[in-house]
Each structure stands twice: as C-alpha cells, then as structure tokens.
Protein backbone atom coordinates (compact mmCIF):
# COMPACT_ATOMS: atom_id res chain seq x y z
CA MET A 1 0.00 0.00 0.00
CA GLY A 2 2.83 2.37 0.77
CA ARG A 3 4.71 1.72 -2.46
CA GLU A 4 1.86 1.31 -4.95
CA LEU A 5 -0.90 3.54 -3.50
CA HIS A 6 1.37 5.95 -1.60
CA PHE A 7 -0.51 5.64 1.68
CA GLU A 8 1.17 7.06 4.77
CA GLY A 9 2.23 4.89 7.72
CA GLY A 10 -0.66 6.02 9.92
CA GLN A 11 -3.17 5.30 7.17
CA ILE A 12 -1.81 1.80 6.61
CA GLY A 13 -1.92 1.14 10.37
CA ALA A 14 -5.53 2.34 10.56
CA ILE A 15 -6.52 -0.07 7.78
CA PHE A 16 -4.93 -3.09 9.50
CA ALA A 17 -6.39 -2.02 12.86
CA THR A 18 -9.91 -2.61 11.54
CA MET A 19 -9.38 -6.38 11.87
CA GLY A 20 -8.57 -6.12 15.57
CA ILE A 21 -11.49 -3.76 16.24
CA ALA A 22 -13.91 -6.04 14.39
CA SER A 23 -12.68 -9.10 16.31
CA LEU A 24 -13.49 -7.35 19.60
CA ILE A 25 -16.95 -6.09 18.69
CA MET A 26 -18.53 -8.40 16.12
CA PRO A 27 -18.49 -11.80 17.92
CA GLY A 28 -20.91 -10.56 20.57
CA ILE A 29 -23.23 -8.93 18.03
CA ILE A 30 -23.19 -11.92 15.68
CA GLY A 31 -23.79 -14.26 18.63
CA ILE A 32 -26.94 -12.38 19.60
CA ILE A 33 -28.22 -12.47 16.02
CA ALA A 34 -27.50 -16.20 15.72
CA ASP A 35 -29.25 -16.95 19.02
CA LYS A 36 -32.42 -15.01 18.24
CA TRP A 37 -33.04 -14.78 14.50
CA PHE A 38 -30.77 -16.90 12.29
CA ASN A 39 -29.50 -20.45 12.06
CA ALA A 40 -25.80 -20.30 13.03
CA GLU A 41 -24.53 -22.16 9.95
CA ARG A 42 -26.51 -19.97 7.59
CA LEU A 43 -25.33 -16.80 9.31
CA TYR A 44 -21.74 -18.05 9.15
CA GLY A 45 -22.11 -18.50 5.38
CA LEU A 46 -23.60 -15.03 4.96
CA CYS A 47 -20.69 -13.53 6.89
CA HIS A 48 -18.24 -15.22 4.51
CA ILE A 49 -20.12 -13.85 1.49
CA ALA A 50 -20.22 -10.35 2.99
CA GLY A 51 -16.51 -10.58 3.81
CA ALA A 52 -15.69 -11.63 0.26
CA ALA A 53 -17.69 -8.68 -1.11
CA CYS A 54 -15.85 -6.25 1.20
CA LEU A 55 -12.47 -7.64 0.16
CA PHE A 56 -13.41 -7.33 -3.51
CA TYR A 57 -14.48 -3.70 -2.95
CA ALA A 58 -11.25 -2.99 -1.05
CA SER A 59 -9.24 -4.21 -4.03
CA THR A 60 -10.73 -1.37 -6.11
CA ALA A 61 -9.70 1.38 -3.68
CA THR A 62 -6.97 3.66 -5.01
CA GLY A 63 -7.15 6.55 -2.55
CA TYR A 64 -7.47 7.24 1.16
CA ASP A 65 -10.15 9.65 2.30
CA GLN A 66 -10.64 11.00 -1.22
CA MET A 67 -13.20 13.61 -0.28
CA TYR A 68 -11.17 14.77 2.74
CA PHE A 69 -8.16 15.27 0.48
CA TRP A 70 -10.33 17.18 -2.01
CA ALA A 71 -11.67 19.55 0.67
CA ASP A 72 -8.25 20.07 2.24
CA ARG A 73 -6.71 20.85 -1.16
CA VAL A 74 -9.42 23.40 -1.99
CA LEU A 75 -8.92 25.17 1.35
CA LYS A 76 -5.17 25.43 0.71
CA ILE A 77 -5.83 26.92 -2.73
CA LEU A 78 -8.28 29.39 -1.15
CA GLU A 79 -5.62 30.58 1.28
CA ASN A 80 -3.46 31.64 -1.67
CA MET A 81 -6.26 33.44 -3.54
CA ASP A 82 -6.96 37.16 -3.16
CA LEU A 83 -10.71 37.24 -2.62
CA ASP A 84 -10.84 39.73 0.28
CA SER A 85 -12.11 42.50 -1.99
CA VAL A 86 -15.12 40.36 -2.98
CA PHE A 87 -16.22 40.03 0.65
CA LYS A 88 -15.45 43.70 1.44
CA GLU A 89 -17.50 44.89 -1.53
CA ALA A 90 -20.43 42.67 -0.54
CA GLY A 91 -20.35 44.07 3.00
CA ALA A 92 -19.90 47.70 1.99
CA GLU A 93 -22.73 47.62 -0.58
CA ASN A 94 -25.04 45.46 1.56
CA HIS A 95 -25.41 42.76 -1.08
CA MET A 96 -28.35 40.44 -0.50
CA VAL A 97 -28.77 36.83 -1.62
CA HIS A 98 -31.82 34.60 -1.89
CA GLY A 99 -30.15 31.90 0.21
CA ASP A 100 -31.92 28.94 -1.44
CA TYR A 101 -31.93 29.85 -5.13
CA ASN A 102 -32.73 26.72 -7.13
CA TYR A 103 -35.28 25.46 -9.66
CA HIS A 104 -37.72 24.51 -6.87
CA ASN A 105 -38.16 28.22 -6.06
CA LEU A 106 -38.70 29.40 -9.65
CA LEU A 107 -42.15 29.77 -11.22
CA VAL A 108 -42.83 30.20 -14.94
CA CYS A 109 -45.59 32.78 -15.35
CA GLN A 110 -47.19 34.46 -18.36
CA GLU A 111 -45.31 37.66 -17.53
CA GLY A 112 -41.99 35.82 -17.12
CA MET A 113 -40.12 34.12 -14.27
CA ALA A 114 -41.05 34.58 -10.62
CA VAL A 115 -38.90 33.73 -7.60
CA THR A 116 -40.39 32.39 -4.35
CA GLY A 117 -39.11 31.16 -0.98
CA PHE A 118 -37.15 34.05 0.49
CA GLU A 119 -37.03 32.55 4.00
CA HIS A 120 -33.24 32.18 3.85
CA ALA A 121 -32.44 35.60 2.38
CA HIS A 122 -29.41 37.27 3.99
CA ARG A 123 -26.41 39.51 3.32
CA ASP A 124 -23.64 37.72 1.44
CA VAL A 125 -21.57 37.63 -1.74
CA GLN A 126 -24.02 37.62 -4.66
CA MET A 127 -22.07 34.83 -6.33
CA GLU A 128 -23.56 32.51 -3.69
CA ASP A 129 -26.91 32.39 -5.50
CA LEU A 130 -25.27 31.63 -8.85
CA TYR A 131 -23.02 29.02 -7.22
CA TYR A 132 -25.92 27.20 -5.57
CA PHE A 133 -28.12 27.26 -8.67
CA LEU A 134 -25.25 26.16 -10.92
CA ARG A 135 -24.19 23.37 -8.56
CA LYS A 136 -27.70 21.95 -8.30
CA CYS A 137 -28.12 21.98 -12.08
CA MET A 138 -24.70 20.46 -12.72
CA GLU A 139 -25.36 17.63 -10.27
CA LYS A 140 -28.54 16.83 -12.20
CA HIS A 141 -26.80 17.00 -15.58
CA HIS A 142 -23.45 15.39 -14.68
CA TYR A 143 -21.50 18.64 -15.00
CA ASP A 144 -22.42 19.24 -18.62
CA GLU A 145 -19.88 21.82 -19.81
CA ARG A 146 -22.06 23.31 -22.57
CA LEU A 147 -24.97 23.81 -20.20
CA GLY A 148 -22.70 25.35 -17.55
CA TYR A 149 -21.16 27.69 -20.12
CA ARG A 150 -24.58 28.85 -21.34
CA MET A 151 -25.75 29.49 -17.78
CA MET A 152 -22.69 31.58 -16.92
CA ARG A 153 -22.88 33.48 -20.22
CA ALA A 154 -26.55 34.31 -19.52
CA TYR A 155 -25.63 35.58 -16.05
CA ASP A 156 -22.69 37.57 -17.44
CA SER A 157 -24.97 39.35 -19.92
CA VAL A 158 -26.88 40.85 -16.98
CA ASN A 159 -24.29 41.04 -14.20
CA ASN A 160 -20.61 41.07 -15.17
CA LEU A 161 -18.57 38.02 -14.17
CA GLY A 162 -15.08 39.41 -13.56
CA LYS A 163 -11.98 37.40 -12.74
CA LYS A 164 -12.50 37.56 -8.98
CA GLU A 165 -16.14 36.55 -9.33
CA ARG A 166 -15.12 33.60 -11.50
CA ASP A 167 -12.39 32.63 -9.00
CA TYR A 168 -14.94 32.75 -6.17
CA LEU A 169 -17.39 30.65 -8.17
CA ALA A 170 -14.71 28.08 -9.01
CA ILE A 171 -13.53 27.67 -5.42
CA ARG A 172 -17.12 27.28 -4.16
CA LEU A 173 -17.90 24.66 -6.81
CA ALA A 174 -14.65 22.82 -6.09
CA TYR A 175 -15.35 22.36 -2.38
CA PRO A 176 -17.37 19.13 -1.77
CA GLU A 177 -20.06 20.95 0.21
CA LYS A 178 -22.88 18.49 -0.42
CA PHE A 179 -20.76 15.54 0.73
CA TRP A 180 -19.83 17.26 4.00
CA LYS A 181 -23.37 18.48 4.66
CA ILE A 182 -24.76 14.94 4.48
CA THR A 183 -21.97 13.34 6.52
CA ASN A 184 -22.11 16.08 9.15
CA SER A 185 -25.88 15.74 9.43
CA TYR A 186 -25.58 11.99 9.94
CA TYR A 187 -22.75 12.37 12.47
CA HIS A 188 -24.84 14.67 14.66
CA SER A 189 -28.15 12.82 14.21
CA GLY A 190 -27.41 10.07 16.75
CA LYS A 191 -28.79 7.44 14.35
CA ALA A 192 -27.13 4.07 13.86
CA TRP A 193 -28.04 3.79 10.18
CA ILE A 194 -27.76 6.39 7.46
CA PRO A 195 -30.90 6.68 5.29
CA ALA A 196 -30.71 4.97 1.89
CA LYS A 197 -31.46 8.27 0.13
CA ASN A 198 -28.45 9.90 1.77
CA VAL A 199 -26.24 6.94 0.87
CA GLU A 200 -27.33 7.43 -2.74
CA LYS A 201 -26.48 11.13 -2.57
CA LEU A 202 -23.07 10.43 -1.04
CA SER A 203 -22.29 7.82 -3.69
CA LEU A 204 -23.29 10.25 -6.44
CA SER A 205 -21.14 13.00 -4.93
CA VAL A 206 -18.07 10.75 -4.93
CA ALA A 207 -18.84 9.35 -8.40
CA GLN A 208 -19.07 12.85 -9.90
CA THR A 209 -15.61 13.85 -8.69
CA GLU A 210 -13.92 13.29 -12.05
CA GLU A 211 -16.76 15.02 -13.90
CA LYS A 212 -16.40 18.02 -11.63
CA LYS A 213 -12.62 18.09 -12.13
CA ARG A 214 -13.09 18.20 -15.89
CA PHE A 215 -15.78 20.90 -15.60
CA LEU A 216 -13.60 23.13 -13.41
CA ARG A 217 -10.54 22.59 -15.58
CA ASN A 218 -12.22 23.38 -18.89
CA LEU A 219 -14.51 26.25 -17.82
CA PHE A 220 -12.41 27.90 -15.11
CA ALA A 221 -8.84 26.65 -15.76
CA PHE A 222 -9.03 25.46 -12.15
CA GLN A 223 -6.83 22.51 -11.16
CA ILE A 224 -7.12 20.38 -7.99
C-alpha cells in the first residue's frame, strides 16, 4: 500500500487495525443475532459472502479519504487566492442573496419568471446564488460543460462576471459541500443507520468527482 498507493504509515496502520477492532466487537453482536433470528450455519455463510464482497471492494480502492483530500486541497488553494475584496465589496454595498436559489423556487408565469421562498435571504456575496443554482443543475446533468457555459454566459450578460467573481465561483464549486453536509448531518443525528437516500447522494457525490474536475478545468482553468 505504501509503495503502490502511496498511503502514509498512519493510514496503513488504521486499515490493518480494523481487523482487531472487528474481532473485539462483532463476535458478541453476531452471537446475539445467531441466538435469536438466524441459524448459526446460515449466518456463518452469509458472513463469509459479505466478507468476500468487502475484500473485492477494497481491491478497487486507489485513494485514502478522497473527499477529505479534495476539501483540504481546496482550502489550501483558497488561502493563496486574493478574494478579500469580494467580501469587502459585498459588505460595503449590503449585497443580499436569496439563500436557497434553485429550480424549486422558480415559477414560470405568463409575464416571465417569478422567484419564491425568500425565508433564507441574507447579506452575502451575490455569487452565492449563482453558485448554488449552478451546482444543483450540474449535479442533475453530470457537470455538462455546454450547459454550464450557457448558464454563466446568460448571467454575465446581466451582471458582469469578472476574474475575482469567477475565481470565487470556481472555489465554491470545487469544495465538496454536499458531501460534508450529508456526513455532518448523519454524524450529529445520533442514528445508527444512514438513510438509503443519503447513501445514494453520497455515492453520487463521490462518483461525480472526475466530472467536476473536468468541468472546473475546462470552464475555469481550475486545477485540484
């Protein structure tokens, strides 16, 4: 793992430690299940099948804490970017944002488009609304570059997208916000099982990593 996958010593140790932790915890849990609900031999066979599936999945792993690395890398890039003026301008001019600007809060009327749901409106950088709307659309359309380009061009025709605004938009899109929102919500929920819908969202977030990299590279010249 150290030579081929470039894992650090602590990461390799943590992986091998899972066997010891499982051997301390699982016998008692499996024993209870076997006593109350399952035939012991059948449960033993299911455990072997589950173990084989886990080992097969482990053989496909090529990175350690991929999303953590992604977030950490984005934060380091942010530290080297000069975006202070964007925040100062937003504060000085009292910029307001919708706070939940997405297609669920847009109505198509005879007179044109109408926006609803201003419960989360607050003072912030105006790029936040464009970021949120763009992110939601890109997640639905697998970071389609042509669609993203048309959306930003339409915005730019009304409200100029300068270099600092584009830099801000790129760094916000790069950070895996959705992934951390779901995991943080689960961590503080006190529940033993994560809902299937959230598992699906987490899996999609991880699966779209390469699509997002390509989108950021081609539309913003932004490299992770």
